[in-house]
Amino acid sequence: MEQQGTDQQAAISRVTTGMPVFDVTGAEVGTVDLVQRGDPNAVTVQAPTAAPTADPGGSLDELIESAATEEPDVPADLAARLLRTGYLKVSTDQAPTGAVYVLADQIAAVADGRVRLDVLATSLPAEE
């Protein structure tokens, strides 16, 4: 398992923004918009638990926290996994929101200025 994690980080470290992304069938998914290397110590992302009477302006700590958890814009359990393993955010016209996320372990190869995935484009989670 350690070797697999090392391979994933090596692959994601070769990805740069603007690279085209292709799924397992060779169909173009889109282009890389963001590359985020994994952090095995990433904390679990939790939904905010603001009380109805909370200050609408919020505190500085809340502002920092919201900025820090802006990406990835997916449900908390998936966000935690993406942050731990690393991910790509891919701009695409195949999702209503215009972007999908790729887990580092879904990258099959990075070569010739392209990213090839080992999954179908339709299985990638869309940005919320």
Protein backbone atom coordinates (compact mmCIF):
# COMPACT_ATOMS: atom_id res chain seq x y z
CA MET A 1 0.00 0.00 0.00
CA GLU A 2 2.86 2.39 0.77
CA GLN A 3 4.27 1.84 -2.73
CA GLN A 4 0.89 2.61 -4.28
CA GLY A 5 0.70 5.91 -2.38
CA THR A 6 4.21 6.81 -3.52
CA ASP A 7 3.30 6.03 -7.14
CA GLN A 8 0.16 8.18 -6.86
CA GLN A 9 2.14 11.14 -5.52
CA ALA A 10 4.79 10.70 -8.23
CA ALA A 11 2.08 10.74 -10.93
CA ILE A 12 0.26 13.78 -9.54
CA SER A 13 3.55 15.67 -9.16
CA ARG A 14 4.01 15.47 -12.97
CA VAL A 15 0.61 17.05 -13.67
CA THR A 16 0.41 20.75 -14.43
CA THR A 17 -2.55 23.06 -14.99
CA GLY A 18 -3.77 23.23 -18.56
CA MET A 19 -2.96 19.58 -19.36
CA PRO A 20 -5.69 17.72 -21.23
CA VAL A 21 -7.31 14.81 -19.35
CA PHE A 22 -8.57 11.61 -21.02
CA ASP A 23 -10.63 8.82 -19.47
CA VAL A 24 -9.99 5.08 -19.73
CA THR A 25 -11.67 4.91 -23.17
CA GLY A 26 -9.53 7.73 -24.57
CA ALA A 27 -12.38 10.26 -24.52
CA GLU A 28 -11.32 13.78 -23.57
CA VAL A 29 -12.65 14.81 -20.16
CA GLY A 30 -11.33 18.39 -20.07
CA THR A 31 -8.28 20.30 -18.86
CA VAL A 32 -6.57 20.41 -15.48
CA ASP A 33 -7.61 23.51 -13.56
CA LEU A 34 -6.05 22.69 -10.18
CA VAL A 35 -3.49 20.18 -8.88
CA GLN A 36 -3.55 19.36 -5.17
CA ARG A 37 -1.02 16.93 -3.75
CA GLY A 38 -2.24 14.62 -1.03
CA ASP A 39 -1.78 15.14 2.68
CA PRO A 40 -2.16 11.84 4.58
CA ASN A 41 -2.59 13.89 7.77
CA ALA A 42 -5.42 16.03 6.38
CA VAL A 43 -8.18 16.51 8.89
CA THR A 44 -11.68 15.40 8.09
CA VAL A 45 -13.77 18.16 6.62
CA GLN A 46 -16.99 18.78 8.50
CA ALA A 47 -20.03 20.75 7.54
CA PRO A 48 -20.38 24.04 9.40
CA THR A 49 -22.55 23.90 12.49
CA ALA A 50 -23.45 27.57 12.78
CA ALA A 51 -26.36 28.36 15.05
CA PRO A 52 -29.25 30.34 13.56
CA THR A 53 -28.24 33.29 15.75
CA ALA A 54 -24.64 33.30 14.51
CA ASP A 55 -23.10 36.60 13.50
CA PRO A 56 -23.67 36.88 9.74
CA GLY A 57 -20.30 38.62 9.40
CA GLY A 58 -18.54 35.74 11.13
CA SER A 59 -15.23 35.83 12.90
CA LEU A 60 -11.79 35.90 11.32
CA ASP A 61 -11.33 32.24 12.27
CA GLU A 62 -14.56 31.32 10.43
CA LEU A 63 -13.43 33.29 7.39
CA ILE A 64 -10.05 31.50 7.34
CA GLU A 65 -11.74 28.13 7.80
CA SER A 66 -14.22 28.74 4.98
CA ALA A 67 -11.43 29.84 2.65
CA ALA A 68 -9.36 26.80 3.58
CA THR A 69 -12.21 24.40 2.83
CA GLU A 70 -13.39 26.04 -0.40
CA GLU A 71 -11.75 23.30 -2.46
CA PRO A 72 -12.72 20.64 -3.12
CA ASP A 73 -16.38 21.60 -3.43
CA VAL A 74 -17.90 18.15 -2.83
CA PRO A 75 -19.60 16.39 0.11
CA ALA A 76 -17.46 16.31 3.27
CA ASP A 77 -16.62 12.58 3.21
CA LEU A 78 -15.38 12.77 -0.39
CA ALA A 79 -13.56 16.05 0.30
CA ALA A 80 -11.65 14.40 3.14
CA ARG A 81 -10.60 11.54 0.85
CA LEU A 82 -9.56 13.95 -1.92
CA LEU A 83 -7.47 15.99 0.52
CA ARG A 84 -5.75 12.88 1.89
CA THR A 85 -4.96 11.23 -1.46
CA GLY A 86 -4.51 14.31 -3.63
CA TYR A 87 -6.69 15.31 -6.56
CA LEU A 88 -7.08 17.17 -9.80
CA LYS A 89 -9.88 19.60 -10.53
CA VAL A 90 -10.72 19.30 -14.22
CA SER A 91 -12.66 21.91 -16.18
CA THR A 92 -15.14 20.13 -18.40
CA ASP A 93 -18.35 20.64 -20.33
CA GLN A 94 -19.48 17.16 -19.24
CA ALA A 95 -20.66 18.36 -15.81
CA PRO A 96 -23.41 20.92 -15.15
CA THR A 97 -21.11 22.85 -12.80
CA GLY A 98 -18.23 22.90 -15.29
CA ALA A 99 -15.76 20.86 -13.23
CA VAL A 100 -15.09 17.35 -11.95
CA TYR A 101 -12.57 15.96 -9.47
CA VAL A 102 -10.07 13.16 -10.07
CA LEU A 103 -8.55 11.25 -7.16
CA ALA A 104 -4.79 10.74 -7.42
CA ASP A 105 -5.34 6.97 -7.51
CA GLN A 106 -7.48 7.35 -10.65
CA ILE A 107 -4.51 8.64 -12.66
CA ALA A 108 -3.20 5.81 -14.86
CA ALA A 109 -0.40 7.77 -16.53
CA VAL A 110 1.03 11.21 -17.13
CA ALA A 111 2.93 11.29 -20.43
CA ASP A 112 3.30 13.40 -23.55
CA GLY A 113 1.69 16.38 -21.82
CA ARG A 114 -1.52 14.44 -21.15
CA VAL A 115 -3.21 12.85 -18.17
CA ARG A 116 -4.79 9.43 -18.72
CA LEU A 117 -7.28 8.08 -16.18
CA ASP A 118 -8.18 4.49 -15.34
CA VAL A 119 -11.90 5.32 -14.94
CA LEU A 120 -14.75 6.57 -17.11
CA ALA A 121 -15.41 10.31 -17.19
CA THR A 122 -19.00 9.62 -16.08
CA SER A 123 -17.73 8.17 -12.77
CA LEU A 124 -15.94 11.38 -11.73
CA PRO A 125 -17.63 13.44 -9.01
CA ALA A 126 -18.82 16.86 -10.18
CA GLU A 127 -18.15 20.08 -8.34
CA GLU A 128 -21.19 21.14 -6.31
